C-alpha atoms as a PDB file:
ATOM      1  CA  MET A   1      79.379 -44.957  22.681  1.00  0.00           C
ATOM      2  CA  LYS A   2      77.166 -47.798  23.489  1.00  0.00           C
ATOM      3  CA  LYS A   3      75.367 -45.887  26.304  1.00  0.00           C
ATOM      4  CA  VAL A   4      74.548 -43.088  23.852  1.00  0.00           C
ATOM      5  CA  ALA A   5      73.159 -45.480  21.331  1.00  0.00           C
ATOM      6  CA  ILE A   6      70.968 -47.223  23.984  1.00  0.00           C
ATOM      7  CA  PHE A   7      69.696 -43.707  25.086  1.00  0.00           C
ATOM      8  CA  ALA A   8      68.952 -42.711  21.376  1.00  0.00           C
ATOM      9  CA  LEU A   9      67.164 -45.748  20.853  1.00  0.00           C
ATOM     10  CA  SER A  10      65.024 -45.458  24.209  1.00  0.00           C
ATOM     11  CA  ILE A  11      64.001 -41.878  23.031  1.00  0.00           C
ATOM     12  CA  LEU A  12      62.834 -43.089  19.548  1.00  0.00           C
ATOM     13  CA  VAL A  13      60.724 -45.921  21.308  1.00  0.00           C
ATOM     14  CA  LEU A  14      59.016 -43.527  23.614  1.00  0.00           C
ATOM     15  CA  THR A  15      58.296 -41.053  20.820  1.00  0.00           C
ATOM     16  CA  GLN A  16      56.650 -43.777  18.772  1.00  0.00           C
ATOM     17  CA  VAL A  17      54.540 -45.003  21.680  1.00  0.00           C
ATOM     18  CA  TYR A  18      53.390 -41.388  22.559  1.00  0.00           C
ATOM     19  CA  ALA A  19      52.461 -40.747  18.990  1.00  0.00           C
ATOM     20  CA  PHE A  20      50.467 -43.929  18.756  1.00  0.00           C
ATOM     21  CA  SER A  21      48.493 -43.255  22.065  1.00  0.00           C
ATOM     22  CA  GLN A  22      47.719 -39.771  20.917  1.00  0.00           C
ATOM     23  CA  ALA A  23      46.295 -41.119  17.691  1.00  0.00           C
ATOM     24  CA  GLU A  24      44.301 -43.694  19.446  1.00  0.00           C
ATOM     25  CA  ALA A  25      42.939 -41.151  21.881  1.00  0.00           C
ATOM     26  CA  GLN A  26      41.688 -38.853  19.198  1.00  0.00           C
ATOM     27  CA  GLN A  27      40.102 -41.716  17.371  1.00  0.00           C
ATOM     28  CA  GLY A  28      38.345 -42.836  20.619  1.00  0.00           C
ATOM     29  CA  ASP A  29      37.025 -39.506  21.745  1.00  0.00           C
ATOM     30  CA  GLY A  30      35.761 -38.576  18.340  1.00  0.00           C
ATOM     31  CA  THR A  31      37.844 -35.255  17.989  1.00  0.00           C
ATOM     32  CA  SER A  32      38.934 -36.410  14.455  1.00  0.00           C
ATOM     33  CA  GLY A  33      35.313 -37.201  13.269  1.00  0.00           C
ATOM     34  CA  VAL A  34      33.165 -35.310  10.789  1.00  0.00           C
ATOM     35  CA  VAL A  35      30.266 -32.831  10.606  1.00  0.00           C
ATOM     36  CA  SER A  36      27.375 -33.305   8.196  1.00  0.00           C
ATOM     37  CA  VAL A  37      24.385 -31.261   7.277  1.00  0.00           C
ATOM     38  CA  SER A  38      21.440 -31.786   4.812  1.00  0.00           C
ATOM     39  CA  THR A  39      17.970 -30.573   4.040  1.00  0.00           C
ATOM     40  CA  ASN A  40      14.928 -32.703   3.120  1.00  0.00           C
ATOM     41  CA  SER A  41      14.754 -31.096  -0.314  1.00  0.00           C
ATOM     42  CA  ASP A  42      16.728 -29.111  -2.732  1.00  0.00           C
ATOM     43  CA  SER A  43      14.063 -26.591  -3.506  1.00  0.00           C
ATOM     44  CA  TYR A  44      11.076 -24.951  -1.620  1.00  0.00           C
ATOM     45  CA  GLN A  45       8.334 -22.458  -2.038  1.00  0.00           C
ATOM     46  CA  GLN A  46       6.699 -19.702   0.070  1.00  0.00           C
ATOM     47  CA  GLY A  47       5.156 -21.317   3.211  1.00  0.00           C
ATOM     48  CA  ASP A  48       7.269 -24.606   3.049  1.00  0.00           C
ATOM     49  CA  VAL A  49       9.040 -25.874   6.223  1.00  0.00           C
ATOM     50  CA  ILE A  50      12.710 -26.869   5.796  1.00  0.00           C
ATOM     51  CA  GLU A  51      13.799 -29.933   7.766  1.00  0.00           C
ATOM     52  CA  VAL A  52      17.466 -29.637   8.541  1.00  0.00           C
ATOM     53  CA  SER A  53      19.448 -32.533  10.067  1.00  0.00           C
ATOM     54  CA  GLY A  54      22.996 -33.762  10.363  1.00  0.00           C
ATOM     55  CA  VAL A  55      25.373 -35.893  12.376  1.00  0.00           C
ATOM     56  CA  VAL A  56      28.424 -34.808  14.366  1.00  0.00           C
ATOM     57  CA  SER A  57      31.072 -36.766  16.263  1.00  0.00           C
ATOM     58  CA  VAL A  58      30.467 -36.556  20.030  1.00  0.00           C
ATOM     59  CA  SER A  59      32.930 -36.967  22.743  1.00  0.00           C
ATOM     60  CA  SER A  60      32.774 -38.719  26.053  1.00  0.00           C
ATOM     61  CA  ASP A  61      34.827 -35.822  27.552  1.00  0.00           C
ATOM     62  CA  PRO A  62      32.371 -33.287  29.215  1.00  0.00           C
ATOM     63  CA  LEU A  63      34.824 -30.633  28.391  1.00  0.00           C
ATOM     64  CA  LYS A  64      34.248 -31.358  24.706  1.00  0.00           C
ATOM     65  CA  ALA A  65      30.393 -31.481  24.812  1.00  0.00           C
ATOM     66  CA  TYR A  66      29.964 -28.854  22.022  1.00  0.00           C
ATOM     67  CA  ASN A  67      26.719 -27.621  20.728  1.00  0.00           C
ATOM     68  CA  VAL A  68      25.924 -27.352  16.979  1.00  0.00           C
ATOM     69  CA  ILE A  69      25.635 -23.854  15.572  1.00  0.00           C
ATOM     70  CA  LEU A  70      23.166 -23.622  12.718  1.00  0.00           C
ATOM     71  CA  LYS A  71      23.292 -20.571  10.370  1.00  0.00           C
ATOM     72  CA  VAL A  72      21.147 -19.766   7.291  1.00  0.00           C
ATOM     73  CA  ILE A  73      22.607 -17.231   4.805  1.00  0.00           C
ATOM     74  CA  ALA A  74      20.276 -15.495   2.333  1.00  0.00           C
ATOM     75  CA  PRO A  75      21.129 -15.201  -1.501  1.00  0.00           C
ATOM     76  CA  ASN A  76      22.525 -11.665  -0.960  1.00  0.00           C
ATOM     77  CA  GLY A  77      24.931 -12.783   1.576  1.00  0.00           C
ATOM     78  CA  ASN A  78      23.056 -11.431   4.591  1.00  0.00           C
ATOM     79  CA  PHE A  79      22.775 -13.416   7.853  1.00  0.00           C
ATOM     80  CA  LEU A  80      19.081 -14.674   8.051  1.00  0.00           C
ATOM     81  CA  GLU A  81      18.657 -17.164  10.936  1.00  0.00           C
ATOM     82  CA  ALA A  82      20.640 -19.048  13.530  1.00  0.00           C
ATOM     83  CA  ALA A  83      20.089 -21.641  16.015  1.00  0.00           C
ATOM     84  CA  GLN A  84      22.110 -23.567  18.690  1.00  0.00           C
ATOM     85  CA  LEU A  85      21.331 -27.333  18.898  1.00  0.00           C
ATOM     86  CA  THR A  86      22.444 -30.032  21.268  1.00  0.00           C
ATOM     87  CA  PRO A  87      23.140 -33.341  19.426  1.00  0.00           C
ATOM     88  CA  ASN A  88      21.864 -36.576  21.126  1.00  0.00           C
ATOM     89  CA  ALA A  89      24.029 -39.360  22.288  1.00  0.00           C
ATOM     90  CA  ASP A  90      24.515 -40.533  18.776  1.00  0.00           C
ATOM     91  CA  GLY A  91      25.501 -37.281  17.462  1.00  0.00           C
ATOM     92  CA  TYR A  92      22.267 -36.605  15.536  1.00  0.00           C
ATOM     93  CA  TYR A  93      20.617 -33.106  15.506  1.00  0.00           C
ATOM     94  CA  SER A  94      17.747 -31.614  13.540  1.00  0.00           C
ATOM     95  CA  LYS A  95      15.851 -28.329  13.210  1.00  0.00           C
ATOM     96  CA  SER A  96      12.665 -27.195  11.472  1.00  0.00           C
ATOM     97  CA  ILE A  97      12.603 -23.773   9.853  1.00  0.00           C
ATOM     98  CA  GLN A  98       9.511 -22.214   8.571  1.00  0.00           C
ATOM     99  CA  ILE A  99      10.054 -20.118   5.224  1.00  0.00           C
ATOM    100  CA  GLY A 100       8.736 -16.629   6.029  1.00  0.00           C
ATOM    101  CA  GLU A 101       7.109 -14.023   3.725  1.00  0.00           C
ATOM    102  CA  SER A 102      10.254 -11.886   3.693  1.00  0.00           C
ATOM    103  CA  TRP A 103      12.384 -14.758   2.144  1.00  0.00           C
ATOM    104  CA  LYS A 104      13.246 -13.828  -1.545  1.00  0.00           C
ATOM    105  CA  GLU A 105      13.914 -16.096  -4.570  1.00  0.00           C
ATOM    106  CA  GLY A 106      17.468 -17.461  -4.826  1.00  0.00           C
ATOM    107  CA  THR A 107      19.890 -19.850  -3.399  1.00  0.00           C
ATOM    108  CA  TYR A 108      20.292 -20.147   0.402  1.00  0.00           C
ATOM    109  CA  THR A 109      23.166 -21.675   2.414  1.00  0.00           C
ATOM    110  CA  VAL A 110      22.908 -23.679   5.666  1.00  0.00           C
ATOM    111  CA  THR A 111      26.064 -24.209   7.576  1.00  0.00           C
ATOM    112  CA  ALA A 112      26.598 -26.277  10.721  1.00  0.00           C
ATOM    113  CA  TYR A 113      29.398 -25.455  12.925  1.00  0.00           C
ATOM    114  CA  PHE A 114      30.686 -27.986  15.566  1.00  0.00           C
ATOM    115  CA  ASP A 115      34.086 -27.598  17.289  1.00  0.00           C
ATOM    116  CA  PRO A 116      36.566 -26.187  14.880  1.00  0.00           C
ATOM    117  CA  LYS A 117      34.865 -28.019  12.038  1.00  0.00           C
ATOM    118  CA  SER A 118      31.974 -27.000   9.703  1.00  0.00           C
ATOM    119  CA  ALA A 119      29.749 -28.389   6.898  1.00  0.00           C
ATOM    120  CA  SER A 120      27.416 -26.642   4.484  1.00  0.00           C
ATOM    121  CA  THR A 121      24.509 -27.309   2.046  1.00  0.00           C
ATOM    122  CA  SER A 122      22.300 -25.198  -0.034  1.00  0.00           C
ATOM    123  CA  PHE A 123      18.667 -25.086  -1.331  1.00  0.00           C
ATOM    124  CA  THR A 124      16.853 -22.806  -3.774  1.00  0.00           C
ATOM    125  CA  LEU A 125      13.590 -20.837  -3.076  1.00  0.00           C
ATOM    126  CA  SER A 126      11.265 -20.160  -5.962  1.00  0.00           C
ATOM    127  CA  THR A 127       7.824 -18.430  -6.358  1.00  0.00           C
ATOM    128  CA  PRO A 128       5.177 -19.421  -8.930  1.00  0.00           C
ATOM    129  CA  SER A 129       5.781 -17.665 -12.402  1.00  0.00           C
ATOM    130  CA  ALA A 130       3.453 -15.213 -13.725  1.00  0.00           C
ATOM    131  CA  ILE A 131       2.143 -17.634 -16.371  1.00  0.00           C
ATOM    132  CA  GLU A 132       1.219 -20.185 -13.696  1.00  0.00           C
ATOM    133  CA  GLU A 133      -0.658 -17.424 -11.915  1.00  0.00           C
ATOM    134  CA  VAL A 134      -2.580 -16.532 -14.994  1.00  0.00           C
ATOM    135  CA  VAL A 135      -3.457 -20.063 -15.712  1.00  0.00           C
ATOM    136  CA  GLU A 136      -4.804 -20.558 -12.224  1.00  0.00           C
ATOM    137  CA  ALA A 137      -6.641 -17.364 -12.337  1.00  0.00           C
ATOM    138  CA  ALA A 138      -8.299 -18.396 -15.638  1.00  0.00           C
ATOM    139  CA  GLU A 139      -9.363 -21.596 -14.335  1.00  0.00           C
ATOM    140  CA  GLU A 140     -10.889 -20.128 -11.168  1.00  0.00           C
ATOM    141  CA  VAL A 141     -12.713 -17.545 -13.364  1.00  0.00           C
ATOM    142  CA  ALA A 142     -13.940 -20.283 -15.495  1.00  0.00           C
ATOM    143  CA  ASP A 143     -15.317 -22.344 -12.613  1.00  0.00           C
ATOM    144  CA  ALA A 144     -16.806 -19.206 -11.175  1.00  0.00           C
ATOM    145  CA  ALA A 145     -18.645 -18.253 -14.526  1.00  0.00           C
ATOM    146  CA  GLU A 146     -19.989 -21.826 -14.802  1.00  0.00           C
ATOM    147  CA  ALA A 147     -21.405 -21.583 -11.251  1.00  0.00           C
ATOM    148  CA  VAL A 148     -22.921 -18.141 -12.003  1.00  0.00           C
ATOM    149  CA  ALA A 149     -24.471 -19.505 -15.208  1.00  0.00           C
ATOM    150  CA  GLU A 150     -26.037 -22.388 -13.242  1.00  0.00           C
ATOM    151  CA  GLU A 151     -27.473 -19.831 -10.768  1.00  0.00           C
ATOM    152  CA  VAL A 152     -28.899 -17.738 -13.676  1.00  0.00           C
ATOM    153  CA  VAL A 153     -30.668 -20.691 -15.103  1.00  0.00           C
ATOM    154  CA  GLU A 154     -32.089 -21.713 -11.722  1.00  0.00           C
ATOM    155  CA  ALA A 155     -33.219 -18.267 -11.132  1.00  0.00           C
ATOM    156  CA  ALA A 156     -35.005 -17.999 -14.333  1.00  0.00           C
ATOM    157  CA  GLU A 157     -36.779 -21.294 -13.801  1.00  0.00           C
ATOM    158  CA  GLU A 158     -37.978 -20.133 -10.448  1.00  0.00           C
ATOM    159  CA  ILE A 159     -39.242 -16.779 -11.929  1.00  0.00           C
ATOM    160  CA  VAL A 160     -41.317 -18.681 -14.566  1.00  0.00           C
ATOM    161  CA  GLU A 161     -42.636 -21.125 -11.911  1.00  0.00           C
ATOM    162  CA  ALA A 162     -43.513 -18.371  -9.453  1.00  0.00           C
ATOM    163  CA  ALA A 163     -45.340 -16.667 -12.350  1.00  0.00           C
ATOM    164  CA  GLY A 164     -47.594 -19.591 -12.830  1.00  0.00           C
ATOM    165  CA  GLY A 165     -45.894 -20.745 -15.914  1.00  0.00           C
ATOM    166  CA  LEU A 166     -45.422 -18.984 -19.242  1.00  0.00           C
ATOM    167  CA  ALA A 167     -47.668 -15.851 -19.485  1.00  0.00           C
ATOM    168  CA  CYS A 168     -48.825 -14.970 -22.954  1.00  0.00           C
ATOM    169  CA  GLY A 169     -49.950 -11.604 -23.985  1.00  0.00           C
ATOM    170  CA  SER A 170     -53.318 -10.551 -25.605  1.00  0.00           C
ATOM    171  CA  GLY A 171     -53.932 -12.183 -28.942  1.00  0.00           C
ATOM    172  CA  THR A 172     -51.499 -15.118 -28.093  1.00  0.00           C
ATOM    173  CA  HIS A 173     -51.954 -18.453 -26.518  1.00  0.00           C
ATOM    174  CA  GLU A 174     -49.580 -21.101 -25.020  1.00  0.00           C
ATOM    175  CA  ALA A 175     -48.671 -24.091 -27.152  1.00  0.00           C
ATOM    176  CA  ASP A 176     -46.040 -26.622 -26.310  1.00  0.00           C
ATOM    177  CA  GLY A 177     -44.344 -24.150 -23.894  1.00  0.00           C
ATOM    178  CA  PHE A 178     -44.258 -21.220 -26.343  1.00  0.00           C
ATOM    179  CA  CYS A 179     -46.572 -18.111 -26.905  1.00  0.00           C
ATOM    180  CA  ILE A 180     -47.985 -18.254 -30.423  1.00  0.00           C
ATOM    181  CA  PRO A 181     -50.478 -15.723 -32.049  1.00  0.00           C
ATOM    182  CA  ASP A 182     -54.022 -16.812 -32.066  1.00  0.00           C
ATOM    183  CA  GLY A 183     -54.862 -18.534 -35.322  1.00  0.00           C
ATOM    184  CA  SER A 184     -51.269 -19.001 -36.271  1.00  0.00           C
ATOM    185  CA  ASP A 185     -48.793 -21.833 -36.134  1.00  0.00           C
ATOM    186  CA  SER A 186     -45.615 -19.505 -36.084  1.00  0.00           C
ATOM    187  CA  PHE A 187     -43.695 -19.271 -32.688  1.00  0.00           C
ATOM    188  CA  GLY A 188     -43.475 -15.954 -30.919  1.00  0.00           C
ATOM    189  CA  LEU A 189     -41.871 -16.066 -27.502  1.00  0.00           C
ATOM    190  CA  SER A 190     -43.380 -13.665 -25.042  1.00  0.00           C
ATOM    191  CA  TYR A 191     -42.770 -13.088 -21.352  1.00  0.00           C
ATOM    192  CA  ASP A 192     -44.377 -10.631 -19.080  1.00  0.00           C
ATOM    193  CA  SER A 193     -42.545  -7.646 -17.855  1.00  0.00           C
ATOM    194  CA  ALA A 194     -42.090  -8.944 -14.307  1.00  0.00           C
ATOM    195  CA  SER A 195     -40.226 -11.943 -15.637  1.00  0.00           C
ATOM    196  CA  ALA A 196     -38.121  -9.963 -17.940  1.00  0.00           C
ATOM    197  CA  ASN A 197     -37.077  -7.593 -15.265  1.00  0.00           C
ATOM    198  CA  GLY A 198     -36.318 -10.435 -13.068  1.00  0.00           C
ATOM    199  CA  LEU A 199     -34.072 -12.066 -15.474  1.00  0.00           C
ATOM    200  CA  ILE A 200     -32.330  -8.754 -16.209  1.00  0.00           C
ATOM    201  CA  LEU A 201     -31.705  -8.257 -12.509  1.00  0.00           C
ATOM    202  CA  THR A 202     -30.311 -11.738 -12.050  1.00  0.00           C
ATOM    203  CA  ALA A 203     -27.944 -11.352 -14.935  1.00  0.00           C
ATOM    204  CA  ALA A 204     -26.683  -8.072 -13.688  1.00  0.00           C
ATOM    205  CA  ILE A 205     -25.934  -9.523 -10.329  1.00  0.00           C
ATOM    206  CA  ALA A 206     -24.122 -12.450 -11.831  1.00  0.00           C
ATOM    207  CA  PHE A 207     -22.032 -10.120 -14.144  1.00  0.00           C
ATOM    208  CA  GLY A 208     -21.101  -8.062 -11.001  1.00  0.00           C
ATOM    209  CA  ILE A 209     -20.069 -11.168  -9.177  1.00  0.00           C
ATOM    210  CA  ALA A 210     -17.915 -12.200 -11.934  1.00  0.00           C
ATOM    211  CA  VAL A 211     -16.194  -8.902 -12.348  1.00  0.00           C
ATOM    212  CA  ALA A 212     -15.511  -8.830  -8.617  1.00  0.00           C
ATOM    213  CA  ILE A 213     -13.849 -12.262  -8.758  1.00  0.00           C
ATOM    214  CA  ILE A 214     -11.594 -11.285 -11.707  1.00  0.00           C
ATOM    215  CA  ILE A 215     -10.455  -8.171  -9.919  1.00  0.00           C
ATOM    216  CA  ALA A 216      -9.725 -10.034  -6.666  1.00  0.00           C
ATOM    217  CA  LEU A 217      -7.678 -12.537  -8.515  1.00  0.00           C
ATOM    218  CA  ARG A 218      -5.639  -9.868 -10.329  1.00  0.00           C
ATOM    219  CA  LEU A 219      -4.960  -8.116  -6.967  1.00  0.00           C
ATOM    220  CA  ILE A 220      -3.835 -11.329  -5.504  1.00  0.00           C
ATOM    221  CA  GLY A 221      -1.485 -12.102  -8.286  1.00  0.00           C
ATOM    222  CA  LYS A 222      -0.064  -8.587  -8.131  1.00  0.00           C
ATOM    223  CA  ALA A 223       0.642  -8.805  -4.525  1.00  0.00           C
ATOM    224  CA  GLY A 224       2.392 -12.133  -4.846  1.00  0.00           C
ATOM    225  CA  ARG A 225       4.714 -10.806  -7.668  1.00  0.00           C
ATOM    226  CA  SER A 226       5.591  -7.745  -5.554  1.00  0.00           C
ATOM    227  CA  ARG A 227       6.926  -9.855  -2.710  1.00  0.00           C
END
């Protein structure tokens, strides 16, 4: 009976020692560690670059030198992109992902797989609203119109200067920059036909430029919304 008790006690001690050594080994080689993944922002727009990074528990055992598998899932659940990354000695890994033109609005999921573990994070992709596009287009048109108006004024001044100043018709004379009838104090503005034709041509060109700018902006906005 005494021998049986001693044998049972020995088995119990050996079991506890084995369990303790296994727990210590797992803690030492990092197999019970964690996997993390994150992005440098929660929201992006077309053309942005996503910086993905994270930390995993690395093991000194060469048989457990796993790579990090990174996957990006689109809002509709379709697989979008994948990468295989090697963490450094501290377990850090990173990846830069360029948002392509085919990416749609919505919430995307990034998942990092390491050994049997995994971690996920998400971000949203948005495009400028129609109102923002209209406001931006209006501002650009206003700037273009202002520039065209300045060009028209400069062109008119050049025409008058090239014509040798104000040309008054028969029966009128120049006074203080205006053409007035001879023997009269009332004003009567008069330009020669060459100056008038030049002003009309300049105004027509300016109007054509403004219309072309507006059409181009509308086409750009329509193309952006159709993506």
